[in-house]
Amino acid sequence: MPITTTHVTLTDLTRMLRESAGEEEGVDLDGDVIDTPFIELGYDSLALLQVIGEIQREYGVEIPDDAVVDAETPRALLDLINAGSTSAA
């Protein structure tokens, strides 16, 4: 049986951010936000923890809460999620 890994993309992440915590007025999540700090995008640590909970349920990836707090940009969070996805498989 082949091992499959789930790769969460920026599109997946921005969709979940919108679904979990909405979108800050004046912020375009469809723009070049990969290296923009979450705080500048209008998301605090509570919003990120909500998104991580959704990712854990949807993709079966375990991410420690304390690691999420250190991920300050979408790129850092995606790296963390996708590293967890690889180790979970």
PDB file of N, CA and C in Angstrom:
ATOM      1  N   MET A   1       0.851  -1.180   0.000  1.00  0.00           N
ATOM      2  CA  MET A   1       0.000   0.000   0.000  1.00  0.00           C
ATOM      3  C   MET A   1       0.899   1.246   0.000  1.00  0.00           C
ATOM      4  N   PRO A   2       0.720   2.185  -0.944  1.00  0.00           N
ATOM      5  CA  PRO A   2       1.588   3.357  -1.015  1.00  0.00           C
ATOM      6  C   PRO A   2       1.315   4.330   0.134  1.00  0.00           C
ATOM      7  N   ILE A   3       2.377   4.992   0.559  1.00  0.00           N
ATOM      8  CA  ILE A   3       2.252   6.018   1.593  1.00  0.00           C
ATOM      9  C   ILE A   3       1.904   7.330   0.905  1.00  0.00           C
ATOM     10  N   THR A   4       0.858   7.979   1.389  1.00  0.00           N
ATOM     11  CA  THR A   4       0.480   9.265   0.813  1.00  0.00           C
ATOM     12  C   THR A   4       0.722  10.351   1.843  1.00  0.00           C
ATOM     13  N   THR A   5       1.171  11.492   1.364  1.00  0.00           N
ATOM     14  CA  THR A   5       1.334  12.632   2.246  1.00  0.00           C
ATOM     15  C   THR A   5       0.430  13.743   1.757  1.00  0.00           C
ATOM     16  N   THR A   6      -0.039  14.519   2.662  1.00  0.00           N
ATOM     17  CA  THR A   6      -0.896  15.645   2.330  1.00  0.00           C
ATOM     18  C   THR A   6      -0.039  16.884   2.298  1.00  0.00           C
ATOM     19  N   HIS A   7      -0.198  17.661   1.255  1.00  0.00           N
ATOM     20  CA  HIS A   7       0.541  18.908   1.143  1.00  0.00           C
ATOM     21  C   HIS A   7      -0.472  20.047   1.215  1.00  0.00           C
ATOM     22  N   VAL A   8      -0.403  20.838   2.274  1.00  0.00           N
ATOM     23  CA  VAL A   8      -1.284  21.980   2.450  1.00  0.00           C
ATOM     24  C   VAL A   8      -0.652  23.163   1.721  1.00  0.00           C
ATOM     25  N   THR A   9      -1.435  23.821   0.875  1.00  0.00           N
ATOM     26  CA  THR A   9      -0.941  24.943   0.087  1.00  0.00           C
ATOM     27  C   THR A   9      -1.362  26.268   0.701  1.00  0.00           C
ATOM     28  N   LEU A  10      -0.810  27.359   0.174  1.00  0.00           N
ATOM     29  CA  LEU A  10      -1.216  28.693   0.614  1.00  0.00           C
ATOM     30  C   LEU A  10      -2.704  28.905   0.353  1.00  0.00           C
ATOM     31  N   THR A  11      -3.205  28.402  -0.755  1.00  0.00           N
ATOM     32  CA  THR A  11      -4.638  28.519  -1.063  1.00  0.00           C
ATOM     33  C   THR A  11      -5.471  27.812  -0.002  1.00  0.00           C
ATOM     34  N   ASP A  12      -5.039  26.608   0.403  1.00  0.00           N
ATOM     35  CA  ASP A  12      -5.737  25.879   1.470  1.00  0.00           C
ATOM     36  C   ASP A  12      -5.726  26.682   2.765  1.00  0.00           C
ATOM     37  N   LEU A  13      -4.555  27.217   3.099  1.00  0.00           N
ATOM     38  CA  LEU A  13      -4.402  27.963   4.350  1.00  0.00           C
ATOM     39  C   LEU A  13      -5.259  29.222   4.357  1.00  0.00           C
ATOM     40  N   THR A  14      -5.246  29.987   3.279  1.00  0.00           N
ATOM     41  CA  THR A  14      -6.046  31.218   3.260  1.00  0.00           C
ATOM     42  C   THR A  14      -7.537  30.902   3.299  1.00  0.00           C
ATOM     43  N   ARG A  15      -7.949  29.805   2.678  1.00  0.00           N
ATOM     44  CA  ARG A  15      -9.357  29.391   2.753  1.00  0.00           C
ATOM     45  C   ARG A  15      -9.742  29.112   4.209  1.00  0.00           C
ATOM     46  N   MET A  16      -8.872  28.389   4.910  1.00  0.00           N
ATOM     47  CA  MET A  16      -9.159  28.050   6.305  1.00  0.00           C
ATOM     48  C   MET A  16      -9.115  29.283   7.203  1.00  0.00           C
ATOM     49  N   LEU A  17      -8.207  30.209   6.922  1.00  0.00           N
ATOM     50  CA  LEU A  17      -8.175  31.455   7.691  1.00  0.00           C
ATOM     51  C   LEU A  17      -9.493  32.212   7.539  1.00  0.00           C
ATOM     52  N   ARG A  18      -9.968  32.306   6.306  1.00  0.00           N
ATOM     53  CA  ARG A  18     -11.245  32.997   6.058  1.00  0.00           C
ATOM     54  C   ARG A  18     -12.397  32.300   6.766  1.00  0.00           C
ATOM     55  N   GLU A  19     -12.435  30.967   6.673  1.00  0.00           N
ATOM     56  CA  GLU A  19     -13.522  30.199   7.274  1.00  0.00           C
ATOM     57  C   GLU A  19     -13.498  30.279   8.797  1.00  0.00           C
ATOM     58  N   SER A  20     -12.321  30.253   9.382  1.00  0.00           N
ATOM     59  CA  SER A  20     -12.200  30.217  10.841  1.00  0.00           C
ATOM     60  C   SER A  20     -12.292  31.592  11.480  1.00  0.00           C
ATOM     61  N   ALA A  21     -11.665  32.576  10.849  1.00  0.00           N
ATOM     62  CA  ALA A  21     -11.544  33.876  11.523  1.00  0.00           C
ATOM     63  C   ALA A  21     -11.924  35.066  10.646  1.00  0.00           C
ATOM     64  N   GLY A  22     -12.433  34.814   9.455  1.00  0.00           N
ATOM     65  CA  GLY A  22     -12.807  35.921   8.591  1.00  0.00           C
ATOM     66  C   GLY A  22     -11.582  36.537   7.924  1.00  0.00           C
ATOM     67  N   GLU A  23     -11.810  37.691   7.308  1.00  0.00           N
ATOM     68  CA  GLU A  23     -10.727  38.389   6.614  1.00  0.00           C
ATOM     69  C   GLU A  23     -10.770  39.852   7.023  1.00  0.00           C
ATOM     70  N   GLU A  24      -9.636  40.356   7.450  1.00  0.00           N
ATOM     71  CA  GLU A  24      -9.513  41.744   7.897  1.00  0.00           C
ATOM     72  C   GLU A  24      -9.821  42.688   6.731  1.00  0.00           C
ATOM     73  N   GLU A  25     -10.594  43.731   7.009  1.00  0.00           N
ATOM     74  CA  GLU A  25     -10.890  44.724   5.970  1.00  0.00           C
ATOM     75  C   GLU A  25      -9.588  45.362   5.481  1.00  0.00           C
ATOM     76  N   GLY A  26      -9.441  45.470   4.181  1.00  0.00           N
ATOM     77  CA  GLY A  26      -8.234  46.057   3.614  1.00  0.00           C
ATOM     78  C   GLY A  26      -7.101  45.068   3.382  1.00  0.00           C
ATOM     79  N   VAL A  27      -7.306  43.796   3.761  1.00  0.00           N
ATOM     80  CA  VAL A  27      -6.282  42.764   3.561  1.00  0.00           C
ATOM     81  C   VAL A  27      -6.745  41.844   2.439  1.00  0.00           C
ATOM     82  N   ASP A  28      -5.885  41.636   1.454  1.00  0.00           N
ATOM     83  CA  ASP A  28      -6.192  40.754   0.336  1.00  0.00           C
ATOM     84  C   ASP A  28      -5.407  39.459   0.499  1.00  0.00           C
ATOM     85  N   LEU A  29      -6.070  38.431   1.016  1.00  0.00           N
ATOM     86  CA  LEU A  29      -5.397  37.147   1.213  1.00  0.00           C
ATOM     87  C   LEU A  29      -5.053  36.467  -0.102  1.00  0.00           C
ATOM     88  N   ASP A  30      -5.605  36.950  -1.200  1.00  0.00           N
ATOM     89  CA  ASP A  30      -5.274  36.383  -2.502  1.00  0.00           C
ATOM     90  C   ASP A  30      -4.006  37.010  -3.070  1.00  0.00           C
ATOM     91  N   GLY A  31      -3.491  38.041  -2.401  1.00  0.00           N
ATOM     92  CA  GLY A  31      -2.277  38.709  -2.858  1.00  0.00           C
ATOM     93  C   GLY A  31      -1.032  37.954  -2.413  1.00  0.00           C
ATOM     94  N   ASP A  32       0.089  38.641  -2.445  1.00  0.00           N
ATOM     95  CA  ASP A  32       1.384  38.051  -2.086  1.00  0.00           C
ATOM     96  C   ASP A  32       1.563  38.147  -0.567  1.00  0.00           C
ATOM     97  N   VAL A  33       1.006  37.172   0.154  1.00  0.00           N
ATOM     98  CA  VAL A  33       0.995  37.225   1.619  1.00  0.00           C
ATOM     99  C   VAL A  33       1.884  36.159   2.260  1.00  0.00           C
ATOM    100  N   ILE A  34       2.587  35.373   1.469  1.00  0.00           N
ATOM    101  CA  ILE A  34       3.330  34.222   1.989  1.00  0.00           C
ATOM    102  C   ILE A  34       4.322  34.599   3.093  1.00  0.00           C
ATOM    103  N   ASP A  35       4.941  35.787   2.990  1.00  0.00           N
ATOM    104  CA  ASP A  35       5.920  36.209   3.999  1.00  0.00           C
ATOM    105  C   ASP A  35       5.438  37.380   4.849  1.00  0.00           C
ATOM    106  N   THR A  36       4.141  37.668   4.807  1.00  0.00           N
ATOM    107  CA  THR A  36       3.571  38.748   5.607  1.00  0.00           C
ATOM    108  C   THR A  36       3.212  38.210   6.992  1.00  0.00           C
ATOM    109  N   PRO A  37       3.693  38.866   8.051  1.00  0.00           N
ATOM    110  CA  PRO A  37       3.353  38.384   9.400  1.00  0.00           C
ATOM    111  C   PRO A  37       1.834  38.316   9.604  1.00  0.00           C
ATOM    112  N   PHE A  38       1.401  37.259  10.295  1.00  0.00           N
ATOM    113  CA  PHE A  38      -0.026  37.074  10.545  1.00  0.00           C
ATOM    114  C   PHE A  38      -0.639  38.290  11.234  1.00  0.00           C
ATOM    115  N   ILE A  39       0.099  38.909  12.120  1.00  0.00           N
ATOM    116  CA  ILE A  39      -0.439  40.060  12.840  1.00  0.00           C
ATOM    117  C   ILE A  39      -0.791  41.189  11.869  1.00  0.00           C
ATOM    118  N   GLU A  40       0.008  41.356  10.806  1.00  0.00           N
ATOM    119  CA  GLU A  40      -0.290  42.370   9.786  1.00  0.00           C
ATOM    120  C   GLU A  40      -1.481  41.973   8.927  1.00  0.00           C
ATOM    121  N   LEU A  41      -1.749  40.681   8.854  1.00  0.00           N
ATOM    122  CA  LEU A  41      -2.910  40.186   8.112  1.00  0.00           C
ATOM    123  C   LEU A  41      -4.182  40.213   8.958  1.00  0.00           C
ATOM    124  N   GLY A  42      -4.030  40.549  10.246  1.00  0.00           N
ATOM    125  CA  GLY A  42      -5.185  40.649  11.125  1.00  0.00           C
ATOM    126  C   GLY A  42      -5.503  39.378  11.895  1.00  0.00           C
ATOM    127  N   TYR A  43      -4.552  38.453  11.975  1.00  0.00           N
ATOM    128  CA  TYR A  43      -4.779  37.191  12.684  1.00  0.00           C
ATOM    129  C   TYR A  43      -3.879  37.093  13.902  1.00  0.00           C
ATOM    130  N   ASP A  44      -4.485  36.812  15.059  1.00  0.00           N
ATOM    131  CA  ASP A  44      -3.710  36.638  16.284  1.00  0.00           C
ATOM    132  C   ASP A  44      -3.503  35.142  16.541  1.00  0.00           C
ATOM    133  N   SER A  45      -2.844  34.832  17.645  1.00  0.00           N
ATOM    134  CA  SER A  45      -2.520  33.431  17.932  1.00  0.00           C
ATOM    135  C   SER A  45      -3.775  32.576  18.125  1.00  0.00           C
ATOM    136  N   LEU A  46      -4.846  33.152  18.665  1.00  0.00           N
ATOM    137  CA  LEU A  46      -6.085  32.396  18.836  1.00  0.00           C
ATOM    138  C   LEU A  46      -6.657  31.989  17.475  1.00  0.00           C
ATOM    139  N   ALA A  47      -6.645  32.909  16.514  1.00  0.00           N
ATOM    140  CA  ALA A  47      -7.131  32.585  15.169  1.00  0.00           C
ATOM    141  C   ALA A  47      -6.291  31.470  14.549  1.00  0.00           C
ATOM    142  N   LEU A  48      -4.981  31.542  14.753  1.00  0.00           N
ATOM    143  CA  LEU A  48      -4.106  30.511  14.199  1.00  0.00           C
ATOM    144  C   LEU A  48      -4.359  29.151  14.843  1.00  0.00           C
ATOM    145  N   LEU A  49      -4.605  29.146  16.137  1.00  0.00           N
ATOM    146  CA  LEU A  49      -4.907  27.884  16.816  1.00  0.00           C
ATOM    147  C   LEU A  49      -6.210  27.285  16.299  1.00  0.00           C
ATOM    148  N   GLN A  50      -7.188  28.138  15.974  1.00  0.00           N
ATOM    149  CA  GLN A  50      -8.435  27.644  15.380  1.00  0.00           C
ATOM    150  C   GLN A  50      -8.157  27.000  14.025  1.00  0.00           C
ATOM    151  N   VAL A  51      -7.319  27.642  13.223  1.00  0.00           N
ATOM    152  CA  VAL A  51      -6.976  27.111  11.907  1.00  0.00           C
ATOM    153  C   VAL A  51      -6.216  25.792  12.052  1.00  0.00           C
ATOM    154  N   ILE A  52      -5.290  25.736  12.994  1.00  0.00           N
ATOM    155  CA  ILE A  52      -4.535  24.496  13.214  1.00  0.00           C
ATOM    156  C   ILE A  52      -5.479  23.368  13.618  1.00  0.00           C
ATOM    157  N   GLY A  53      -6.462  23.667  14.444  1.00  0.00           N
ATOM    158  CA  GLY A  53      -7.450  22.654  14.807  1.00  0.00           C
ATOM    159  C   GLY A  53      -8.177  22.128  13.588  1.00  0.00           C
ATOM    160  N   GLU A  54      -8.534  23.028  12.676  1.00  0.00           N
ATOM    161  CA  GLU A  54      -9.202  22.614  11.445  1.00  0.00           C
ATOM    162  C   GLU A  54      -8.272  21.761  10.577  1.00  0.00           C
ATOM    163  N   ILE A  55      -7.012  22.167  10.479  1.00  0.00           N
ATOM    164  CA  ILE A  55      -6.036  21.406   9.686  1.00  0.00           C
ATOM    165  C   ILE A  55      -5.845  20.012  10.281  1.00  0.00           C
ATOM    166  N   GLN A  56      -5.771  19.934  11.603  1.00  0.00           N
ATOM    167  CA  GLN A  56      -5.610  18.635  12.250  1.00  0.00           C
ATOM    168  C   GLN A  56      -6.803  17.731  11.945  1.00  0.00           C
ATOM    169  N   ARG A  57      -8.014  18.284  11.976  1.00  0.00           N
ATOM    170  CA  ARG A  57      -9.208  17.483  11.679  1.00  0.00           C
ATOM    171  C   ARG A  57      -9.278  17.106  10.193  1.00  0.00           C
ATOM    172  N   GLU A  58      -9.000  18.076   9.320  1.00  0.00           N
ATOM    173  CA  GLU A  58      -9.163  17.854   7.883  1.00  0.00           C
ATOM    174  C   GLU A  58      -8.054  17.006   7.278  1.00  0.00           C
ATOM    175  N   TYR A  59      -6.819  17.196   7.759  1.00  0.00           N
ATOM    176  CA  TYR A  59      -5.671  16.537   7.150  1.00  0.00           C
ATOM    177  C   TYR A  59      -5.014  15.489   8.039  1.00  0.00           C
ATOM    178  N   GLY A  60      -5.434  15.387   9.300  1.00  0.00           N
ATOM    179  CA  GLY A  60      -4.853  14.395  10.194  1.00  0.00           C
ATOM    180  C   GLY A  60      -3.415  14.693  10.583  1.00  0.00           C
ATOM    181  N   VAL A  61      -3.053  15.973  10.617  1.00  0.00           N
ATOM    182  CA  VAL A  61      -1.693  16.399  10.940  1.00  0.00           C
ATOM    183  C   VAL A  61      -1.667  16.885  12.382  1.00  0.00           C
ATOM    184  N   GLU A  62      -0.720  16.391  13.171  1.00  0.00           N
ATOM    185  CA  GLU A  62      -0.564  16.839  14.551  1.00  0.00           C
ATOM    186  C   GLU A  62       0.492  17.936  14.618  1.00  0.00           C
ATOM    187  N   ILE A  63       0.112  19.101  15.091  1.00  0.00           N
ATOM    188  CA  ILE A  63       1.018  20.243  15.221  1.00  0.00           C
ATOM    189  C   ILE A  63       0.959  20.720  16.668  1.00  0.00           C
ATOM    190  N   PRO A  64       2.089  20.757  17.375  1.00  0.00           N
ATOM    191  CA  PRO A  64       2.080  21.254  18.758  1.00  0.00           C
ATOM    192  C   PRO A  64       1.699  22.738  18.807  1.00  0.00           C
ATOM    193  N   ASP A  65       0.841  23.101  19.769  1.00  0.00           N
ATOM    194  CA  ASP A  65       0.387  24.484  19.897  1.00  0.00           C
ATOM    195  C   ASP A  65       1.545  25.465  20.051  1.00  0.00           C
ATOM    196  N   ASP A  66       2.576  25.085  20.808  1.00  0.00           N
ATOM    197  CA  ASP A  66       3.688  26.016  21.024  1.00  0.00           C
ATOM    198  C   ASP A  66       4.479  26.263  19.735  1.00  0.00           C
ATOM    199  N   ALA A  67       4.491  25.299  18.830  1.00  0.00           N
ATOM    200  CA  ALA A  67       5.173  25.492  17.546  1.00  0.00           C
ATOM    201  C   ALA A  67       4.399  26.468  16.666  1.00  0.00           C
ATOM    202  N   VAL A  68       3.084  26.454  16.774  1.00  0.00           N
ATOM    203  CA  VAL A  68       2.242  27.351  15.978  1.00  0.00           C
ATOM    204  C   VAL A  68       2.512  28.802  16.348  1.00  0.00           C
ATOM    205  N   VAL A  69       2.688  29.075  17.614  1.00  0.00           N
ATOM    206  CA  VAL A  69       2.936  30.437  18.074  1.00  0.00           C
ATOM    207  C   VAL A  69       4.214  31.000  17.466  1.00  0.00           C
ATOM    208  N   ASP A  70       5.199  30.143  17.223  1.00  0.00           N
ATOM    209  CA  ASP A  70       6.470  30.584  16.643  1.00  0.00           C
ATOM    210  C   ASP A  70       6.385  30.813  15.137  1.00  0.00           C
ATOM    211  N   ALA A  71       5.356  30.298  14.490  1.00  0.00           N
ATOM    212  CA  ALA A  71       5.195  30.467  13.040  1.00  0.00           C
ATOM    213  C   ALA A  71       4.514  31.807  12.789  1.00  0.00           C
ATOM    214  N   GLU A  72       5.300  32.808  12.430  1.00  0.00           N
ATOM    215  CA  GLU A  72       4.770  34.171  12.333  1.00  0.00           C
ATOM    216  C   GLU A  72       4.254  34.555  10.954  1.00  0.00           C
ATOM    217  N   THR A  73       4.520  33.728   9.940  1.00  0.00           N
ATOM    218  CA  THR A  73       4.073  34.029   8.579  1.00  0.00           C
ATOM    219  C   THR A  73       3.405  32.791   7.974  1.00  0.00           C
ATOM    220  N   PRO A  74       2.612  32.983   6.918  1.00  0.00           N
ATOM    221  CA  PRO A  74       2.030  31.810   6.257  1.00  0.00           C
ATOM    222  C   PRO A  74       3.089  30.804   5.794  1.00  0.00           C
ATOM    223  N   ARG A  75       4.235  31.292   5.288  1.00  0.00           N
ATOM    224  CA  ARG A  75       5.279  30.361   4.848  1.00  0.00           C
ATOM    225  C   ARG A  75       5.768  29.505   6.020  1.00  0.00           C
ATOM    226  N   ALA A  76       6.025  30.119   7.158  1.00  0.00           N
ATOM    227  CA  ALA A  76       6.511  29.381   8.326  1.00  0.00           C
ATOM    228  C   ALA A  76       5.462  28.367   8.803  1.00  0.00           C
ATOM    229  N   LEU A  77       4.200  28.771   8.788  1.00  0.00           N
ATOM    230  CA  LEU A  77       3.144  27.859   9.223  1.00  0.00           C
ATOM    231  C   LEU A  77       2.984  26.700   8.238  1.00  0.00           C
ATOM    232  N   LEU A  78       3.031  26.984   6.948  1.00  0.00           N
ATOM    233  CA  LEU A  78       2.934  25.918   5.946  1.00  0.00           C
ATOM    234  C   LEU A  78       4.098  24.946   6.058  1.00  0.00           C
ATOM    235  N   ASP A  79       5.291  25.469   6.292  1.00  0.00           N
ATOM    236  CA  ASP A  79       6.459  24.600   6.478  1.00  0.00           C
ATOM    237  C   ASP A  79       6.235  23.674   7.668  1.00  0.00           C
ATOM    238  N   LEU A  80       5.717  24.227   8.753  1.00  0.00           N
ATOM    239  CA  LEU A  80       5.442  23.455   9.959  1.00  0.00           C
ATOM    240  C   LEU A  80       4.380  22.387   9.702  1.00  0.00           C
ATOM    241  N   ILE A  81       3.289  22.787   9.041  1.00  0.00           N
ATOM    242  CA  ILE A  81       2.192  21.866   8.748  1.00  0.00           C
ATOM    243  C   ILE A  81       2.678  20.740   7.837  1.00  0.00           C
ATOM    244  N   ASN A  82       3.370  21.109   6.771  1.00  0.00           N
ATOM    245  CA  ASN A  82       3.776  20.097   5.797  1.00  0.00           C
ATOM    246  C   ASN A  82       4.881  19.193   6.337  1.00  0.00           C
ATOM    247  N   ALA A  83       5.709  19.682   7.234  1.00  0.00           N
ATOM    248  CA  ALA A  83       6.693  18.829   7.907  1.00  0.00           C
ATOM    249  C   ALA A  83       5.968  17.834   8.803  1.00  0.00           C
ATOM    250  N   GLY A  84       4.917  18.288   9.491  1.00  0.00           N
ATOM    251  CA  GLY A  84       4.112  17.404  10.330  1.00  0.00           C
ATOM    252  C   GLY A  84       3.365  16.373   9.518  1.00  0.00           C
ATOM    253  N   SER A  85       2.920  16.786   8.326  1.00  0.00           N
ATOM    254  CA  SER A  85       2.220  15.878   7.433  1.00  0.00           C
ATOM    255  C   SER A  85       3.123  14.743   6.971  1.00  0.00           C
ATOM    256  N   THR A  86       4.370  15.082   6.668  1.00  0.00           N
ATOM    257  CA  THR A  86       5.340  14.084   6.210  1.00  0.00           C
ATOM    258  C   THR A  86       5.664  13.101   7.331  1.00  0.00           C
ATOM    259  N   SER A  87       5.846  13.614   8.544  1.00  0.00           N
ATOM    260  CA  SER A  87       6.182  12.723   9.650  1.00  0.00           C
ATOM    261  C   SER A  87       4.984  11.902  10.104  1.00  0.00           C
ATOM    262  N   ALA A  88       3.761  12.412   9.869  1.00  0.00           N
ATOM    263  CA  ALA A  88       2.562  11.669  10.253  1.00  0.00           C
ATOM    264  C   ALA A  88       2.315  10.479   9.330  1.00  0.00           C
ATOM    265  N   ALA A  89       2.800  10.552   8.095  1.00  0.00           N
ATOM    266  CA  ALA A  89       2.585   9.478   7.120  1.00  0.00           C
ATOM    267  C   ALA A  89       3.530   8.372   7.395  1.00  0.00           C
TER     268      ALA A  89
END
